[in-house]
Amino acid sequence: GSSIDGRGHVALTCGDDTDGKNRVAVWDLRIGKQIRSLVGHEDWVYCCALSADGKYGITGSSDKSAIFWDIDGGKSLQLLKGHTGVVYACSLSEDGAVGLSASSDNT
């Protein structure tokens, strides 16, 4: 998956790493380079979303969790466990205050 902030400055990309690290890449689109990796999921990362200002993100994984991130600091703010199936979709409100995840468990 991928997501771009509302200014077109920051992007997230996620997927299945060949080295098994299950990272999410953070890109600075102004310079065209990856600037950090977000590490916290235990399995394949299916979805990612950014707040409009690019300060916050959310990711969802086949490890049945979603993680809310501080993008600038590269740190997990909250690990959200509660799904019993793969998290296939996620989104954030424009201000990053509200996150949403959808899972194969029909929630």
Protein backbone atom coordinates (compact mmCIF):
# COMPACT_ATOMS: atom_id res chain seq x y z
CA GLY A 1 0.00 0.00 0.00
CA SER A 2 0.95 3.63 -0.14
CA SER A 3 -0.15 7.04 1.10
CA ILE A 4 0.87 10.67 0.44
CA ASP A 5 0.31 13.57 2.83
CA GLY A 6 -1.86 16.52 1.81
CA ARG A 7 1.15 18.72 1.01
CA GLY A 8 2.83 16.18 -1.27
CA HIS A 9 5.96 16.17 0.93
CA VAL A 10 5.82 12.79 2.71
CA ALA A 11 4.83 9.32 1.54
CA LEU A 12 4.52 5.91 3.18
CA THR A 13 4.94 2.63 1.34
CA CYS A 14 4.38 -0.82 2.75
CA GLY A 15 4.37 -4.42 1.65
CA ASP A 16 6.25 -7.66 2.05
CA ASP A 17 9.96 -7.09 2.67
CA THR A 18 12.19 -9.74 1.16
CA ASP A 19 14.31 -9.73 4.33
CA GLY A 20 11.32 -10.40 6.60
CA LYS A 21 11.59 -7.14 8.60
CA ASN A 22 8.00 -6.02 7.78
CA ARG A 23 9.03 -2.39 7.59
CA VAL A 24 7.12 0.64 6.38
CA ALA A 25 9.20 3.09 4.35
CA VAL A 26 8.90 6.85 4.95
CA TRP A 27 9.82 8.96 1.92
CA ASP A 28 10.63 12.65 1.58
CA LEU A 29 9.15 13.38 -1.84
CA ARG A 30 10.94 16.73 -2.10
CA ILE A 31 14.30 14.96 -2.35
CA GLY A 32 13.01 11.63 -3.65
CA LYS A 33 14.64 9.52 -0.92
CA GLN A 34 13.61 7.16 1.82
CA ILE A 35 14.33 8.92 5.12
CA ARG A 36 13.42 6.23 7.66
CA SER A 37 11.80 2.87 8.27
CA LEU A 38 8.99 2.17 10.70
CA VAL A 39 9.48 -1.19 12.39
CA GLY A 40 6.89 -2.76 14.67
CA HIS A 41 4.74 -5.28 12.83
CA GLU A 42 5.42 -8.99 13.13
CA ASP A 43 4.13 -9.92 9.67
CA TRP A 44 3.33 -8.53 6.20
CA VAL A 45 2.11 -4.89 6.24
CA TYR A 46 -0.95 -4.50 4.00
CA CYS A 47 -2.03 -0.88 4.45
CA CYS A 48 -0.79 2.53 5.47
CA ALA A 49 -2.26 6.01 5.72
CA LEU A 50 -0.99 9.48 6.60
CA SER A 51 -2.57 12.50 8.23
CA ALA A 52 -2.90 15.55 5.96
CA ASP A 53 0.16 17.21 7.53
CA GLY A 54 2.25 14.01 7.35
CA LYS A 55 2.96 14.01 11.08
CA TYR A 56 0.98 10.87 11.94
CA GLY A 57 0.39 7.54 10.27
CA ILE A 58 -1.40 4.26 10.74
CA THR A 59 -0.47 0.84 9.39
CA GLY A 60 -2.26 -2.52 9.33
CA SER A 61 -0.81 -5.99 9.06
CA SER A 62 -1.45 -9.69 8.73
CA ASP A 63 -0.22 -9.90 12.34
CA LYS A 64 -3.82 -8.76 13.17
CA SER A 65 -2.73 -5.37 14.50
CA ALA A 66 -2.70 -1.72 13.54
CA ILE A 67 -0.04 0.71 14.71
CA PHE A 68 -0.44 4.47 15.14
CA TRP A 69 2.88 6.24 14.36
CA ASP A 70 4.72 9.51 15.00
CA ILE A 71 6.15 9.87 11.50
CA ASP A 72 8.74 12.58 12.29
CA GLY A 73 10.12 10.65 15.26
CA GLY A 74 9.73 7.23 13.61
CA LYS A 75 8.15 5.85 16.77
CA SER A 76 5.11 3.75 17.51
CA LEU A 77 2.58 5.75 19.53
CA GLN A 78 0.06 2.96 20.03
CA LEU A 79 -0.19 -0.72 19.13
CA LEU A 80 -3.81 -1.54 18.42
CA LYS A 81 -4.65 -5.22 18.95
CA GLY A 82 -8.20 -6.41 18.78
CA HIS A 83 -8.75 -7.85 15.34
CA THR A 84 -8.84 -11.61 14.96
CA GLY A 85 -8.03 -11.44 11.25
CA VAL A 86 -5.69 -9.72 8.83
CA VAL A 87 -5.93 -5.90 8.79
CA TYR A 88 -6.39 -5.13 5.09
CA ALA A 89 -7.36 -1.44 5.18
CA CYS A 90 -6.69 1.61 7.33
CA SER A 91 -7.23 5.36 7.21
CA LEU A 92 -6.69 8.49 9.29
CA SER A 93 -8.67 11.67 9.70
CA GLU A 94 -7.06 14.79 8.24
CA ASP A 95 -5.75 15.89 11.65
CA GLY A 96 -4.57 12.38 12.56
CA ALA A 97 -6.76 12.27 15.66
CA VAL A 98 -8.99 9.39 14.50
CA GLY A 99 -7.87 6.15 12.91
CA LEU A 100 -9.87 3.38 11.29
CA SER A 101 -8.93 -0.19 10.46
CA ALA A 102 -10.80 -2.94 8.62
CA SER A 103 -10.07 -6.64 8.94
CA SER A 104 -10.93 -10.00 7.46
CA ASP A 105 -12.74 -10.64 10.76
CA ASN A 106 -15.55 -8.37 9.42
CA THR A 107 -14.81 -5.54 11.86
